[in-house]
Amino acid sequence: MLAVVEQVSSLSQTLASVRSMEQKYYTERAQLEKAVLKVPESRMLQLELLTSEEGWWIEAERAWRVLIRCSLLAYTMLARNMDRLKEPAGKSSSAALYYQ
């Protein structure tokens, strides 16, 4: 059961890193858009915004794949260990019902 908890914990750390990447995207995107709004005639800023956007779409696709992989791993791990999680070793069946 400890292995299952450790595995889920590592998956939650992975999901937190995906979330921080998303926050970084929004921060950088807002800064670039603010710069473009200040100087709308600047072709260089518009090009930088487009280039940044293309790079972030690649990162977003990778992040979605990580999220899908984490979801599948968590489902598989919990499905395989559901009996052990419902009824831990050394517990009576009445105590196991309490943890459900």
N, C-alpha and C. Protein backbone atom coordinates (compact mmCIF):
# COMPACT_ATOMS: atom_id res chain seq x y z
N MET A 1 0.82 -1.18 0.00
CA MET A 1 0.00 0.00 0.00
C MET A 1 0.87 1.25 0.00
N LEU A 2 2.02 1.18 0.66
CA LEU A 2 2.94 2.31 0.69
C LEU A 2 3.44 2.63 -0.72
N ALA A 3 3.66 1.60 -1.52
CA ALA A 3 4.11 1.82 -2.89
C ALA A 3 3.06 2.57 -3.70
N VAL A 4 1.81 2.26 -3.48
CA VAL A 4 0.72 2.94 -4.20
C VAL A 4 0.69 4.41 -3.81
N VAL A 5 0.84 4.69 -2.52
CA VAL A 5 0.82 6.07 -2.04
C VAL A 5 2.01 6.84 -2.62
N GLU A 6 3.18 6.22 -2.64
CA GLU A 6 4.37 6.88 -3.20
C GLU A 6 4.19 7.15 -4.69
N GLN A 7 3.62 6.20 -5.40
CA GLN A 7 3.40 6.36 -6.83
C GLN A 7 2.42 7.50 -7.12
N VAL A 8 1.34 7.56 -6.38
CA VAL A 8 0.36 8.63 -6.56
C VAL A 8 0.99 9.98 -6.20
N SER A 9 1.83 9.99 -5.19
CA SER A 9 2.52 11.23 -4.81
C SER A 9 3.44 11.72 -5.92
N SER A 10 4.17 10.81 -6.55
CA SER A 10 5.04 11.22 -7.64
C SER A 10 4.23 11.72 -8.83
N LEU A 11 3.08 11.12 -9.07
CA LEU A 11 2.21 11.59 -10.15
C LEU A 11 1.67 12.98 -9.84
N SER A 12 1.35 13.24 -8.58
CA SER A 12 0.84 14.56 -8.23
C SER A 12 1.92 15.62 -8.38
N GLN A 13 3.18 15.27 -8.15
CA GLN A 13 4.28 16.21 -8.38
C GLN A 13 4.42 16.50 -9.87
N THR A 14 4.24 15.50 -10.69
CA THR A 14 4.30 15.69 -12.14
C THR A 14 3.18 16.63 -12.59
N LEU A 15 1.99 16.42 -12.06
CA LEU A 15 0.86 17.27 -12.42
C LEU A 15 1.08 18.70 -11.95
N ALA A 16 1.72 18.87 -10.80
CA ALA A 16 2.02 20.22 -10.31
C ALA A 16 3.01 20.92 -11.24
N SER A 17 3.96 20.18 -11.79
CA SER A 17 4.91 20.80 -12.71
C SER A 17 4.23 21.21 -14.02
N VAL A 18 3.25 20.43 -14.46
CA VAL A 18 2.48 20.81 -15.65
C VAL A 18 1.69 22.07 -15.36
N ARG A 19 1.13 22.16 -14.19
CA ARG A 19 0.36 23.36 -13.80
C ARG A 19 1.26 24.59 -13.73
N SER A 20 2.46 24.45 -13.20
CA SER A 20 3.37 25.60 -13.13
C SER A 20 3.81 26.03 -14.53
N MET A 21 3.95 25.08 -15.45
CA MET A 21 4.28 25.43 -16.83
C MET A 21 3.15 26.24 -17.45
N GLU A 22 1.91 25.86 -17.14
CA GLU A 22 0.76 26.60 -17.66
C GLU A 22 0.73 28.02 -17.10
N GLN A 23 1.03 28.18 -15.82
CA GLN A 23 1.06 29.51 -15.22
C GLN A 23 2.16 30.37 -15.84
N LYS A 24 3.29 29.75 -16.11
CA LYS A 24 4.39 30.47 -16.75
C LYS A 24 3.97 30.95 -18.15
N TYR A 25 3.26 30.12 -18.87
CA TYR A 25 2.77 30.49 -20.19
C TYR A 25 1.88 31.73 -20.11
N TYR A 26 0.91 31.71 -19.20
CA TYR A 26 -0.01 32.84 -19.09
C TYR A 26 0.72 34.12 -18.68
N THR A 27 1.71 34.01 -17.81
CA THR A 27 2.47 35.19 -17.39
C THR A 27 3.25 35.78 -18.55
N GLU A 28 3.97 34.92 -19.27
CA GLU A 28 4.77 35.40 -20.40
C GLU A 28 3.87 35.94 -21.52
N ARG A 29 2.77 35.27 -21.75
CA ARG A 29 1.84 35.71 -22.80
C ARG A 29 1.27 37.09 -22.44
N ALA A 30 0.90 37.30 -21.19
CA ALA A 30 0.35 38.59 -20.77
C ALA A 30 1.39 39.70 -20.92
N GLN A 31 2.64 39.41 -20.58
CA GLN A 31 3.69 40.42 -20.73
C GLN A 31 3.89 40.80 -22.19
N LEU A 32 3.91 39.80 -23.08
CA LEU A 32 4.07 40.08 -24.50
C LEU A 32 2.88 40.85 -25.06
N GLU A 33 1.68 40.47 -24.67
CA GLU A 33 0.50 41.18 -25.16
C GLU A 33 0.47 42.62 -24.66
N LYS A 34 0.91 42.83 -23.43
CA LYS A 34 0.96 44.18 -22.90
C LYS A 34 1.96 45.02 -23.69
N ALA A 35 3.10 44.43 -24.03
CA ALA A 35 4.09 45.14 -24.82
C ALA A 35 3.56 45.47 -26.22
N VAL A 36 2.83 44.53 -26.82
CA VAL A 36 2.24 44.77 -28.15
C VAL A 36 1.18 45.86 -28.07
N LEU A 37 0.41 45.89 -27.00
CA LEU A 37 -0.61 46.94 -26.86
C LEU A 37 0.02 48.32 -26.68
N LYS A 38 1.18 48.37 -26.03
CA LYS A 38 1.85 49.65 -25.84
C LYS A 38 2.40 50.19 -27.15
N VAL A 39 2.92 49.27 -27.97
CA VAL A 39 3.52 49.67 -29.26
C VAL A 39 2.91 48.78 -30.35
N PRO A 40 1.67 49.05 -30.78
CA PRO A 40 1.00 48.17 -31.73
C PRO A 40 1.65 48.13 -33.11
N GLU A 41 2.41 49.17 -33.48
CA GLU A 41 3.03 49.19 -34.80
C GLU A 41 4.35 48.41 -34.85
N SER A 42 4.81 47.90 -33.73
CA SER A 42 6.07 47.17 -33.68
C SER A 42 5.90 45.77 -34.27
N ARG A 43 6.46 45.58 -35.44
CA ARG A 43 6.40 44.27 -36.11
C ARG A 43 7.22 43.25 -35.35
N MET A 44 8.31 43.69 -34.73
CA MET A 44 9.18 42.78 -33.99
C MET A 44 8.46 42.15 -32.79
N LEU A 45 7.69 42.95 -32.06
CA LEU A 45 6.93 42.42 -30.92
C LEU A 45 5.84 41.44 -31.38
N GLN A 46 5.19 41.76 -32.48
CA GLN A 46 4.16 40.86 -33.00
C GLN A 46 4.77 39.53 -33.44
N LEU A 47 5.93 39.61 -34.07
CA LEU A 47 6.62 38.40 -34.49
C LEU A 47 7.08 37.57 -33.28
N GLU A 48 7.54 38.25 -32.24
CA GLU A 48 7.95 37.56 -31.02
C GLU A 48 6.76 36.87 -30.36
N LEU A 49 5.61 37.52 -30.39
CA LEU A 49 4.40 36.92 -29.84
C LEU A 49 4.01 35.67 -30.61
N LEU A 50 4.07 35.73 -31.93
CA LEU A 50 3.73 34.56 -32.75
C LEU A 50 4.72 33.42 -32.54
N THR A 51 6.00 33.75 -32.49
CA THR A 51 7.03 32.73 -32.28
C THR A 51 6.87 32.08 -30.91
N SER A 52 6.62 32.89 -29.92
CA SER A 52 6.41 32.37 -28.57
C SER A 52 5.20 31.45 -28.53
N GLU A 53 4.14 31.85 -29.22
CA GLU A 53 2.91 31.07 -29.23
C GLU A 53 3.14 29.69 -29.87
N GLU A 54 3.91 29.64 -30.95
CA GLU A 54 4.21 28.35 -31.60
C GLU A 54 4.97 27.43 -30.66
N GLY A 55 5.96 27.98 -29.95
CA GLY A 55 6.73 27.17 -29.01
C GLY A 55 5.88 26.65 -27.87
N TRP A 56 4.97 27.50 -27.39
CA TRP A 56 4.12 27.08 -26.28
C TRP A 56 3.12 26.02 -26.70
N TRP A 57 2.68 26.03 -27.96
CA TRP A 57 1.76 24.98 -28.40
C TRP A 57 2.45 23.62 -28.39
N ILE A 58 3.71 23.59 -28.73
CA ILE A 58 4.47 22.34 -28.66
C ILE A 58 4.55 21.86 -27.21
N GLU A 59 4.83 22.80 -26.30
CA GLU A 59 4.89 22.45 -24.88
C GLU A 59 3.52 22.02 -24.35
N ALA A 60 2.47 22.66 -24.82
CA ALA A 60 1.12 22.29 -24.38
C ALA A 60 0.77 20.87 -24.82
N GLU A 61 1.18 20.51 -26.03
CA GLU A 61 0.93 19.15 -26.50
C GLU A 61 1.67 18.13 -25.63
N ARG A 62 2.90 18.44 -25.29
CA ARG A 62 3.65 17.54 -24.40
C ARG A 62 2.98 17.45 -23.03
N ALA A 63 2.49 18.58 -22.54
CA ALA A 63 1.83 18.58 -21.23
C ALA A 63 0.57 17.72 -21.26
N TRP A 64 -0.22 17.82 -22.34
CA TRP A 64 -1.41 16.99 -22.46
C TRP A 64 -1.05 15.52 -22.46
N ARG A 65 0.04 15.18 -23.14
CA ARG A 65 0.47 13.77 -23.16
C ARG A 65 0.89 13.31 -21.77
N VAL A 66 1.56 14.19 -21.03
CA VAL A 66 1.94 13.85 -19.65
C VAL A 66 0.69 13.65 -18.79
N LEU A 67 -0.30 14.52 -18.95
CA LEU A 67 -1.54 14.38 -18.18
C LEU A 67 -2.26 13.07 -18.50
N ILE A 68 -2.30 12.73 -19.77
CA ILE A 68 -2.95 11.47 -20.17
C ILE A 68 -2.19 10.28 -19.60
N ARG A 69 -0.86 10.31 -19.71
CA ARG A 69 -0.05 9.21 -19.18
C ARG A 69 -0.23 9.08 -17.66
N CYS A 70 -0.23 10.20 -16.94
CA CYS A 70 -0.42 10.15 -15.49
C CYS A 70 -1.80 9.59 -15.13
N SER A 71 -2.81 10.00 -15.88
CA SER A 71 -4.16 9.49 -15.62
C SER A 71 -4.23 7.99 -15.84
N LEU A 72 -3.64 7.52 -16.92
CA LEU A 72 -3.65 6.08 -17.19
C LEU A 72 -2.86 5.30 -16.16
N LEU A 73 -1.72 5.84 -15.74
CA LEU A 73 -0.93 5.17 -14.70
C LEU A 73 -1.68 5.10 -13.38
N ALA A 74 -2.30 6.21 -12.99
CA ALA A 74 -3.05 6.22 -11.73
C ALA A 74 -4.22 5.25 -11.79
N TYR A 75 -4.95 5.23 -12.89
CA TYR A 75 -6.07 4.32 -13.03
C TYR A 75 -5.61 2.87 -12.95
N THR A 76 -4.56 2.55 -13.71
CA THR A 76 -4.05 1.18 -13.72
C THR A 76 -3.58 0.76 -12.34
N MET A 77 -2.83 1.62 -11.68
CA MET A 77 -2.29 1.30 -10.37
C MET A 77 -3.41 1.11 -9.34
N LEU A 78 -4.39 2.00 -9.36
CA LEU A 78 -5.48 1.87 -8.40
C LEU A 78 -6.37 0.67 -8.72
N ALA A 79 -6.60 0.39 -9.99
CA ALA A 79 -7.42 -0.76 -10.36
C ALA A 79 -6.77 -2.08 -9.94
N ARG A 80 -5.45 -2.15 -10.11
CA ARG A 80 -4.75 -3.38 -9.73
C ARG A 80 -4.70 -3.58 -8.22
N ASN A 81 -4.70 -2.51 -7.48
CA ASN A 81 -4.53 -2.60 -6.03
C ASN A 81 -5.81 -2.29 -5.26
N MET A 82 -6.94 -2.24 -5.90
CA MET A 82 -8.18 -1.84 -5.23
C MET A 82 -8.54 -2.78 -4.09
N ASP A 83 -8.36 -4.08 -4.28
CA ASP A 83 -8.69 -5.03 -3.21
C ASP A 83 -7.83 -4.77 -1.98
N ARG A 84 -6.54 -4.54 -2.18
CA ARG A 84 -5.63 -4.27 -1.05
C ARG A 84 -5.95 -2.93 -0.39
N LEU A 85 -6.38 -1.97 -1.18
CA LEU A 85 -6.71 -0.66 -0.62
C LEU A 85 -8.01 -0.70 0.17
N LYS A 86 -8.96 -1.49 -0.30
CA LYS A 86 -10.24 -1.61 0.41
C LYS A 86 -10.09 -2.39 1.70
N GLU A 87 -9.25 -3.40 1.67
CA GLU A 87 -9.09 -4.27 2.83
C GLU A 87 -7.60 -4.41 3.17
N PRO A 88 -7.04 -3.47 3.92
CA PRO A 88 -5.61 -3.52 4.23
C PRO A 88 -5.25 -4.76 5.05
N ALA A 89 -4.03 -5.21 4.94
CA ALA A 89 -3.57 -6.40 5.67
C ALA A 89 -3.62 -6.12 7.17
N GLY A 90 -4.05 -7.12 7.93
CA GLY A 90 -4.09 -6.99 9.38
C GLY A 90 -5.33 -6.30 9.92
N LYS A 91 -6.23 -5.89 9.05
CA LYS A 91 -7.46 -5.24 9.49
C LYS A 91 -8.62 -6.22 9.35
N SER A 92 -9.54 -6.15 10.26
CA SER A 92 -10.72 -7.00 10.12
C SER A 92 -11.61 -6.41 9.04
N SER A 93 -12.53 -7.20 8.56
CA SER A 93 -13.39 -6.75 7.46
C SER A 93 -14.26 -5.57 7.89
N SER A 94 -14.66 -5.50 9.15
CA SER A 94 -15.48 -4.36 9.60
C SER A 94 -14.67 -3.06 9.62
N ALA A 95 -13.39 -3.17 9.98
CA ALA A 95 -12.54 -1.98 9.97
C ALA A 95 -12.25 -1.55 8.53
N ALA A 96 -12.13 -2.50 7.62
CA ALA A 96 -11.87 -2.18 6.21
C ALA A 96 -13.04 -1.41 5.62
N LEU A 97 -14.25 -1.70 6.07
CA LEU A 97 -15.41 -0.98 5.55
C LEU A 97 -15.37 0.48 5.96
N TYR A 98 -14.76 0.77 7.10
CA TYR A 98 -14.65 2.14 7.61
C TYR A 98 -13.82 3.00 6.66
N TYR A 99 -12.82 2.41 6.02
CA TYR A 99 -11.90 3.16 5.17
C TYR A 99 -12.42 3.37 3.75
N GLN A 100 -13.53 2.80 3.40
CA GLN A 100 -14.04 2.94 2.03
C GLN A 100 -14.61 4.26 1.77
